[in-house]
PDB file of N, CA and C in Angstrom:
ATOM      1  N   MET A   1      39.485 -10.955 -45.653  1.00  0.00           N
ATOM      2  CA  MET A   1      40.485 -10.984 -44.623  1.00  0.00           C
ATOM      3  C   MET A   1      41.572 -11.920 -45.095  1.00  0.00           C
ATOM      4  N   ASP A   2      42.765 -11.286 -44.558  1.00  0.00           N
ATOM      5  CA  ASP A   2      44.188 -11.811 -45.052  1.00  0.00           C
ATOM      6  C   ASP A   2      44.472 -12.830 -44.100  1.00  0.00           C
ATOM      7  N   ILE A   3      45.537 -13.568 -44.436  1.00  0.00           N
ATOM      8  CA  ILE A   3      45.960 -14.643 -43.784  1.00  0.00           C
ATOM      9  C   ILE A   3      46.769 -14.487 -42.254  1.00  0.00           C
ATOM     10  N   PRO A   4      47.450 -13.286 -41.884  1.00  0.00           N
ATOM     11  CA  PRO A   4      47.654 -12.770 -40.677  1.00  0.00           C
ATOM     12  C   PRO A   4      46.547 -12.724 -39.854  1.00  0.00           C
ATOM     13  N   SER A   5      45.328 -12.084 -40.173  1.00  0.00           N
ATOM     14  CA  SER A   5      44.247 -11.888 -39.443  1.00  0.00           C
ATOM     15  C   SER A   5      43.472 -13.069 -39.340  1.00  0.00           C
ATOM     16  N   LEU A   6      43.293 -13.959 -40.331  1.00  0.00           N
ATOM     17  CA  LEU A   6      42.589 -15.107 -39.955  1.00  0.00           C
ATOM     18  C   LEU A   6      43.572 -16.149 -38.981  1.00  0.00           C
ATOM     19  N   ILE A   7      44.602 -16.067 -39.005  1.00  0.00           N
ATOM     20  CA  ILE A   7      45.412 -16.770 -37.708  1.00  0.00           C
ATOM     21  C   ILE A   7      45.327 -16.001 -36.547  1.00  0.00           C
ATOM     22  N   ILE A   8      45.377 -14.975 -36.348  1.00  0.00           N
ATOM     23  CA  ILE A   8      45.001 -14.230 -35.053  1.00  0.00           C
ATOM     24  C   ILE A   8      43.687 -14.492 -34.505  1.00  0.00           C
ATOM     25  N   PHE A   9      42.555 -14.467 -35.396  1.00  0.00           N
ATOM     26  CA  PHE A   9      40.944 -14.948 -35.337  1.00  0.00           C
ATOM     27  C   PHE A   9      41.134 -16.236 -34.619  1.00  0.00           C
ATOM     28  N   LEU A  10      41.652 -17.138 -35.465  1.00  0.00           N
ATOM     29  CA  LEU A  10      41.591 -18.472 -35.007  1.00  0.00           C
ATOM     30  C   LEU A  10      42.418 -18.824 -33.496  1.00  0.00           C
ATOM     31  N   ALA A  11      43.479 -18.086 -33.226  1.00  0.00           N
ATOM     32  CA  ALA A  11      44.147 -18.225 -32.303  1.00  0.00           C
ATOM     33  C   ALA A  11      43.696 -17.767 -31.084  1.00  0.00           C
ATOM     34  N   ILE A  12      42.986 -16.561 -31.264  1.00  0.00           N
ATOM     35  CA  ILE A  12      41.992 -15.667 -30.139  1.00  0.00           C
ATOM     36  C   ILE A  12      40.923 -16.745 -29.883  1.00  0.00           C
ATOM     37  N   GLY A  13      40.352 -17.204 -30.997  1.00  0.00           N
ATOM     38  CA  GLY A  13      38.648 -18.458 -30.675  1.00  0.00           C
ATOM     39  C   GLY A  13      39.681 -19.313 -29.849  1.00  0.00           C
ATOM     40  N   ALA A  14      40.632 -20.063 -30.055  1.00  0.00           N
ATOM     41  CA  ALA A  14      41.074 -21.282 -29.574  1.00  0.00           C
ATOM     42  C   ALA A  14      41.490 -20.859 -27.955  1.00  0.00           C
ATOM     43  N   ALA A  15      42.094 -19.687 -27.849  1.00  0.00           N
ATOM     44  CA  ALA A  15      42.276 -19.417 -26.544  1.00  0.00           C
ATOM     45  C   ALA A  15      40.876 -19.399 -25.683  1.00  0.00           C
ATOM     46  N   ALA A  16      40.164 -18.746 -26.229  1.00  0.00           N
ATOM     47  CA  ALA A  16      38.907 -18.195 -25.482  1.00  0.00           C
ATOM     48  C   ALA A  16      38.124 -19.324 -25.005  1.00  0.00           C
ATOM     49  N   GLY A  17      38.029 -20.600 -25.901  1.00  0.00           N
ATOM     50  CA  GLY A  17      37.328 -21.738 -25.842  1.00  0.00           C
ATOM     51  C   GLY A  17      38.182 -22.320 -24.685  1.00  0.00           C
ATOM     52  N   TRP A  18      39.520 -22.211 -24.657  1.00  0.00           N
ATOM     53  CA  TRP A  18      40.225 -23.326 -23.570  1.00  0.00           C
ATOM     54  C   TRP A  18      39.885 -22.636 -22.387  1.00  0.00           C
ATOM     55  N   ILE A  19      39.968 -21.287 -22.423  1.00  0.00           N
ATOM     56  CA  ILE A  19      40.001 -20.522 -20.844  1.00  0.00           C
ATOM     57  C   ILE A  19      38.445 -20.754 -20.556  1.00  0.00           C
ATOM     58  N   ALA A  20      37.312 -20.692 -21.375  1.00  0.00           N
ATOM     59  CA  ALA A  20      36.082 -20.617 -21.077  1.00  0.00           C
ATOM     60  C   ALA A  20      35.868 -22.144 -20.523  1.00  0.00           C
ATOM     61  N   GLY A  21      36.532 -23.123 -21.082  1.00  0.00           N
ATOM     62  CA  GLY A  21      36.421 -24.642 -20.628  1.00  0.00           C
ATOM     63  C   GLY A  21      37.108 -24.845 -19.395  1.00  0.00           C
ATOM     64  N   GLN A  22      38.230 -24.142 -19.187  1.00  0.00           N
ATOM     65  CA  GLN A  22      38.715 -24.267 -17.792  1.00  0.00           C
ATOM     66  C   GLN A  22      37.915 -23.716 -16.837  1.00  0.00           C
ATOM     67  N   LEU A  23      37.431 -22.592 -16.949  1.00  0.00           N
ATOM     68  CA  LEU A  23      36.714 -21.777 -15.983  1.00  0.00           C
ATOM     69  C   LEU A  23      35.257 -22.433 -15.761  1.00  0.00           C
ATOM     70  N   THR A  24      34.750 -22.918 -16.870  1.00  0.00           N
ATOM     71  CA  THR A  24      33.552 -23.616 -16.611  1.00  0.00           C
ATOM     72  C   THR A  24      33.180 -24.980 -16.075  1.00  0.00           C
ATOM     73  N   LYS A  25      34.222 -26.023 -16.808  1.00  0.00           N
ATOM     74  CA  LYS A  25      34.408 -27.523 -16.795  1.00  0.00           C
ATOM     75  C   LYS A  25      35.474 -27.818 -16.085  1.00  0.00           C
ATOM     76  N   GLY A  26      36.697 -26.883 -15.738  1.00  0.00           N
ATOM     77  CA  GLY A  26      37.524 -27.395 -15.253  1.00  0.00           C
ATOM     78  C   GLY A  26      39.018 -28.061 -16.282  1.00  0.00           C
ATOM     79  N   ARG A  27      38.397 -28.144 -17.518  1.00  0.00           N
ATOM     80  CA  ARG A  27      39.332 -28.795 -18.452  1.00  0.00           C
ATOM     81  C   ARG A  27      38.712 -28.185 -19.996  1.00  0.00           C
ATOM     82  N   GLY A  28      39.545 -28.327 -21.100  1.00  0.00           N
ATOM     83  CA  GLY A  28      39.312 -27.839 -22.244  1.00  0.00           C
ATOM     84  C   GLY A  28      38.615 -29.008 -22.987  1.00  0.00           C
ATOM     85  N   PHE A  29      38.159 -28.963 -24.222  1.00  0.00           N
ATOM     86  CA  PHE A  29      37.366 -29.616 -25.028  1.00  0.00           C
ATOM     87  C   PHE A  29      38.237 -30.388 -26.262  1.00  0.00           C
ATOM     88  N   GLY A  30      39.308 -29.861 -26.395  1.00  0.00           N
ATOM     89  CA  GLY A  30      40.186 -30.340 -27.527  1.00  0.00           C
ATOM     90  C   GLY A  30      40.445 -29.219 -28.616  1.00  0.00           C
ATOM     91  N   LEU A  31      41.361 -29.041 -29.282  1.00  0.00           N
ATOM     92  CA  LEU A  31      41.691 -27.928 -30.132  1.00  0.00           C
ATOM     93  C   LEU A  31      40.787 -27.618 -30.944  1.00  0.00           C
ATOM     94  N   PHE A  32      39.976 -28.375 -31.728  1.00  0.00           N
ATOM     95  CA  PHE A  32      38.657 -28.115 -32.542  1.00  0.00           C
ATOM     96  C   PHE A  32      37.554 -27.699 -32.094  1.00  0.00           C
ATOM     97  N   VAL A  33      37.276 -28.248 -30.711  1.00  0.00           N
ATOM     98  CA  VAL A  33      36.097 -27.747 -30.183  1.00  0.00           C
ATOM     99  C   VAL A  33      36.364 -26.270 -29.571  1.00  0.00           C
ATOM    100  N   ASN A  34      37.366 -26.053 -28.862  1.00  0.00           N
ATOM    101  CA  ASN A  34      37.610 -24.755 -28.167  1.00  0.00           C
ATOM    102  C   ASN A  34      37.790 -23.968 -29.238  1.00  0.00           C
ATOM    103  N   THR A  35      38.268 -23.955 -30.362  1.00  0.00           N
ATOM    104  CA  THR A  35      38.274 -22.865 -31.442  1.00  0.00           C
ATOM    105  C   THR A  35      36.978 -22.816 -31.993  1.00  0.00           C
ATOM    106  N   LEU A  36      36.026 -23.675 -32.130  1.00  0.00           N
ATOM    107  CA  LEU A  36      34.774 -23.631 -32.334  1.00  0.00           C
ATOM    108  C   LEU A  36      33.751 -22.751 -31.393  1.00  0.00           C
ATOM    109  N   VAL A  37      34.036 -22.988 -30.124  1.00  0.00           N
ATOM    110  CA  VAL A  37      33.385 -22.339 -29.084  1.00  0.00           C
ATOM    111  C   VAL A  37      33.846 -21.107 -28.922  1.00  0.00           C
ATOM    112  N   GLY A  38      35.390 -20.901 -29.112  1.00  0.00           N
ATOM    113  CA  GLY A  38      35.669 -19.757 -28.886  1.00  0.00           C
ATOM    114  C   GLY A  38      35.655 -18.623 -29.919  1.00  0.00           C
ATOM    115  N   ILE A  39      35.082 -18.823 -31.441  1.00  0.00           N
ATOM    116  CA  ILE A  39      34.448 -18.214 -32.434  1.00  0.00           C
ATOM    117  C   ILE A  39      33.564 -17.653 -32.361  1.00  0.00           C
ATOM    118  N   VAL A  40      32.502 -18.654 -31.714  1.00  0.00           N
ATOM    119  CA  VAL A  40      31.082 -18.567 -31.492  1.00  0.00           C
ATOM    120  C   VAL A  40      30.897 -17.632 -30.270  1.00  0.00           C
ATOM    121  N   GLY A  41      31.571 -17.877 -29.289  1.00  0.00           N
ATOM    122  CA  GLY A  41      31.791 -16.955 -28.060  1.00  0.00           C
ATOM    123  C   GLY A  41      32.049 -15.493 -28.404  1.00  0.00           C
ATOM    124  N   ALA A  42      33.238 -15.541 -29.349  1.00  0.00           N
ATOM    125  CA  ALA A  42      33.341 -14.113 -29.684  1.00  0.00           C
ATOM    126  C   ALA A  42      32.245 -13.321 -30.542  1.00  0.00           C
ATOM    127  N   VAL A  43      31.741 -14.253 -31.329  1.00  0.00           N
ATOM    128  CA  VAL A  43      30.543 -13.340 -31.990  1.00  0.00           C
ATOM    129  C   VAL A  43      29.302 -12.925 -30.920  1.00  0.00           C
ATOM    130  N   LEU A  44      29.013 -13.946 -29.944  1.00  0.00           N
ATOM    131  CA  LEU A  44      28.063 -13.603 -28.881  1.00  0.00           C
ATOM    132  C   LEU A  44      28.607 -12.708 -27.809  1.00  0.00           C
ATOM    133  N   GLY A  45      29.775 -12.744 -27.429  1.00  0.00           N
ATOM    134  CA  GLY A  45      30.243 -11.747 -26.645  1.00  0.00           C
ATOM    135  C   GLY A  45      30.468 -10.227 -27.248  1.00  0.00           C
ATOM    136  N   GLY A  46      30.872  -9.953 -28.787  1.00  0.00           N
ATOM    137  CA  GLY A  46      30.916  -8.772 -29.322  1.00  0.00           C
ATOM    138  C   GLY A  46      29.449  -8.400 -29.319  1.00  0.00           C
ATOM    139  N   LEU A  47      28.507  -9.065 -29.745  1.00  0.00           N
ATOM    140  CA  LEU A  47      27.124  -8.700 -29.926  1.00  0.00           C
ATOM    141  C   LEU A  47      26.370  -8.389 -28.211  1.00  0.00           C
ATOM    142  N   LEU A  48      26.926  -9.336 -27.279  1.00  0.00           N
ATOM    143  CA  LEU A  48      26.587  -8.914 -25.775  1.00  0.00           C
ATOM    144  C   LEU A  48      27.349  -7.498 -25.361  1.00  0.00           C
ATOM    145  N   PHE A  49      28.234  -7.371 -25.643  1.00  0.00           N
ATOM    146  CA  PHE A  49      29.111  -6.026 -25.276  1.00  0.00           C
ATOM    147  C   PHE A  49      28.530  -4.856 -26.029  1.00  0.00           C
ATOM    148  N   GLU A  50      28.133  -4.981 -27.198  1.00  0.00           N
ATOM    149  CA  GLU A  50      27.486  -3.745 -28.028  1.00  0.00           C
ATOM    150  C   GLU A  50      26.090  -3.511 -27.507  1.00  0.00           C
ATOM    151  N   GLN A  51      25.114  -4.553 -26.719  1.00  0.00           N
ATOM    152  CA  GLN A  51      24.108  -4.110 -26.522  1.00  0.00           C
ATOM    153  C   GLN A  51      24.278  -3.459 -25.216  1.00  0.00           C
ATOM    154  N   LEU A  52      25.446  -4.007 -24.229  1.00  0.00           N
ATOM    155  CA  LEU A  52      25.555  -3.014 -23.164  1.00  0.00           C
ATOM    156  C   LEU A  52      26.165  -1.896 -22.907  1.00  0.00           C
ATOM    157  N   GLY A  53      26.727  -1.690 -24.438  1.00  0.00           N
ATOM    158  CA  GLY A  53      27.332  -0.292 -24.337  1.00  0.00           C
ATOM    159  C   GLY A  53      28.822  -0.583 -23.853  1.00  0.00           C
ATOM    160  N   ILE A  54      29.515  -1.772 -23.800  1.00  0.00           N
ATOM    161  CA  ILE A  54      30.995  -1.912 -23.361  1.00  0.00           C
ATOM    162  C   ILE A  54      31.771  -1.827 -24.390  1.00  0.00           C
ATOM    163  N   ILE A  55      32.982  -1.131 -24.497  1.00  0.00           N
ATOM    164  CA  ILE A  55      33.739  -0.777 -25.536  1.00  0.00           C
ATOM    165  C   ILE A  55      34.964  -1.976 -24.777  1.00  0.00           C
ATOM    166  N   ALA A  56      35.599  -2.892 -25.700  1.00  0.00           N
ATOM    167  CA  ALA A  56      36.397  -3.711 -25.390  1.00  0.00           C
ATOM    168  C   ALA A  56      37.684  -3.716 -26.375  1.00  0.00           C
ATOM    169  N   PRO A  57      38.386  -2.498 -26.310  1.00  0.00           N
ATOM    170  CA  PRO A  57      39.622  -2.300 -27.588  1.00  0.00           C
ATOM    171  C   PRO A  57      40.868  -3.293 -27.397  1.00  0.00           C
ATOM    172  N   GLY A  58      41.330  -3.278 -28.387  1.00  0.00           N
ATOM    173  CA  GLY A  58      42.602  -4.253 -28.330  1.00  0.00           C
ATOM    174  C   GLY A  58      42.408  -5.747 -28.428  1.00  0.00           C
ATOM    175  N   LEU A  59      43.441  -6.519 -28.235  1.00  0.00           N
ATOM    176  CA  LEU A  59      43.873  -7.818 -28.399  1.00  0.00           C
ATOM    177  C   LEU A  59      43.131  -8.461 -27.049  1.00  0.00           C
ATOM    178  N   ILE A  60      43.597  -7.921 -25.976  1.00  0.00           N
ATOM    179  CA  ILE A  60      43.198  -8.337 -24.501  1.00  0.00           C
ATOM    180  C   ILE A  60      41.354  -7.994 -24.453  1.00  0.00           C
ATOM    181  N   GLY A  61      40.966  -6.982 -24.962  1.00  0.00           N
ATOM    182  CA  GLY A  61      39.589  -6.470 -24.938  1.00  0.00           C
ATOM    183  C   GLY A  61      38.783  -7.655 -25.736  1.00  0.00           C
ATOM    184  N   THR A  62      39.328  -7.997 -26.711  1.00  0.00           N
ATOM    185  CA  THR A  62      38.710  -9.020 -27.706  1.00  0.00           C
ATOM    186  C   THR A  62      38.663 -10.335 -27.161  1.00  0.00           C
ATOM    187  N   LEU A  63      39.758 -10.821 -26.520  1.00  0.00           N
ATOM    188  CA  LEU A  63      39.724 -12.003 -25.882  1.00  0.00           C
ATOM    189  C   LEU A  63      38.831 -12.052 -24.669  1.00  0.00           C
ATOM    190  N   VAL A  64      38.885 -11.012 -23.897  1.00  0.00           N
ATOM    191  CA  VAL A  64      37.638 -11.014 -22.933  1.00  0.00           C
ATOM    192  C   VAL A  64      36.512 -11.210 -23.136  1.00  0.00           C
ATOM    193  N   ALA A  65      36.015 -10.240 -24.265  1.00  0.00           N
ATOM    194  CA  ALA A  65      34.612 -10.376 -24.892  1.00  0.00           C
ATOM    195  C   ALA A  65      34.519 -11.970 -25.371  1.00  0.00           C
ATOM    196  N   ALA A  66      35.527 -12.423 -26.086  1.00  0.00           N
ATOM    197  CA  ALA A  66      35.114 -13.716 -26.799  1.00  0.00           C
ATOM    198  C   ALA A  66      34.971 -15.008 -25.368  1.00  0.00           C
ATOM    199  N   VAL A  67      35.813 -14.832 -24.156  1.00  0.00           N
ATOM    200  CA  VAL A  67      35.757 -15.717 -23.407  1.00  0.00           C
ATOM    201  C   VAL A  67      34.688 -15.540 -22.687  1.00  0.00           C
ATOM    202  N   ILE A  68      33.999 -14.221 -22.262  1.00  0.00           N
ATOM    203  CA  ILE A  68      32.499 -14.127 -21.496  1.00  0.00           C
ATOM    204  C   ILE A  68      31.556 -14.817 -22.604  1.00  0.00           C
ATOM    205  N   GLY A  69      31.436 -14.302 -24.210  1.00  0.00           N
ATOM    206  CA  GLY A  69      30.637 -14.911 -24.776  1.00  0.00           C
ATOM    207  C   GLY A  69      30.760 -16.713 -24.763  1.00  0.00           C
ATOM    208  N   ALA A  70      31.889 -17.024 -25.043  1.00  0.00           N
ATOM    209  CA  ALA A  70      32.099 -18.556 -24.736  1.00  0.00           C
ATOM    210  C   ALA A  70      31.670 -19.348 -23.569  1.00  0.00           C
ATOM    211  N   ILE A  71      31.638 -18.393 -22.381  1.00  0.00           N
ATOM    212  CA  ILE A  71      31.019 -18.765 -21.129  1.00  0.00           C
ATOM    213  C   ILE A  71      29.399 -18.761 -21.362  1.00  0.00           C
ATOM    214  N   VAL A  72      29.000 -17.671 -21.686  1.00  0.00           N
ATOM    215  CA  VAL A  72      27.558 -17.729 -21.981  1.00  0.00           C
ATOM    216  C   VAL A  72      27.164 -18.493 -22.790  1.00  0.00           C
ATOM    217  N   LEU A  73      27.846 -19.249 -23.936  1.00  0.00           N
ATOM    218  CA  LEU A  73      27.499 -20.456 -24.878  1.00  0.00           C
ATOM    219  C   LEU A  73      27.344 -21.224 -24.390  1.00  0.00           C
ATOM    220  N   LEU A  74      28.360 -21.628 -23.254  1.00  0.00           N
ATOM    221  CA  LEU A  74      28.373 -22.864 -22.868  1.00  0.00           C
ATOM    222  C   LEU A  74      27.339 -23.387 -21.520  1.00  0.00           C
ATOM    223  N   PHE A  75      26.864 -22.029 -20.903  1.00  0.00           N
ATOM    224  CA  PHE A  75      25.998 -22.205 -20.026  1.00  0.00           C
ATOM    225  C   PHE A  75      24.835 -22.470 -20.819  1.00  0.00           C
ATOM    226  N   VAL A  76      24.653 -21.862 -22.035  1.00  0.00           N
ATOM    227  CA  VAL A  76      23.215 -22.161 -22.709  1.00  0.00           C
ATOM    228  C   VAL A  76      23.223 -23.849 -23.163  1.00  0.00           C
ATOM    229  N   VAL A  77      24.043 -23.854 -23.975  1.00  0.00           N
ATOM    230  CA  VAL A  77      24.471 -25.281 -24.379  1.00  0.00           C
ATOM    231  C   VAL A  77      23.946 -26.419 -22.820  1.00  0.00           C
ATOM    232  N   ARG A  78      24.794 -26.073 -21.715  1.00  0.00           N
ATOM    233  CA  ARG A  78      24.224 -27.113 -20.647  1.00  0.00           C
ATOM    234  C   ARG A  78      23.193 -27.160 -20.401  1.00  0.00           C
ATOM    235  N   LEU A  79      22.170 -25.839 -20.410  1.00  0.00           N
ATOM    236  CA  LEU A  79      20.674 -25.820 -20.207  1.00  0.00           C
ATOM    237  C   LEU A  79      19.839 -26.774 -21.144  1.00  0.00           C
ATOM    238  N   ILE A  80      20.211 -26.533 -22.227  1.00  0.00           N
ATOM    239  CA  ILE A  80      19.737 -27.237 -23.210  1.00  0.00           C
ATOM    240  C   ILE A  80      19.679 -28.698 -23.377  1.00  0.00           C
ATOM    241  N   LYS A  81      20.950 -29.171 -22.781  1.00  0.00           N
ATOM    242  CA  LYS A  81      21.364 -30.497 -22.509  1.00  0.00           C
ATOM    243  C   LYS A  81      20.415 -31.311 -21.259  1.00  0.00           C
ATOM    244  N   ARG A  82      20.451 -30.238 -20.257  1.00  0.00           N
ATOM    245  CA  ARG A  82      19.430 -30.804 -19.211  1.00  0.00           C
ATOM    246  C   ARG A  82      17.958 -31.087 -19.466  1.00  0.00           C
ATOM    247  N   ALA A  83      17.586 -30.225 -20.437  1.00  0.00           N
ATOM    248  CA  ALA A  83      16.039 -30.179 -20.616  1.00  0.00           C
ATOM    249  C   ALA A  83      15.610 -31.153 -21.569  1.00  0.00           C
TER     250      ALA A  83
END
């Protein structure tokens, strides 16, 4: 992975984490946690979309998959915290 791709990957992760935080909690979690949640969410969203047979091409599709994955991740984390 070259430097520009890494920067785009991290930017999508940060944006996805921030959006997921806004949608689920009403605020973000800070730059580092937003990026971490977004990156894990992107992996989770990619796997979820693949299993459902959904194709999300391009930058917007990648961001949508990452946001959905991050929302699922935050939901699971909250379930675990309550238990």
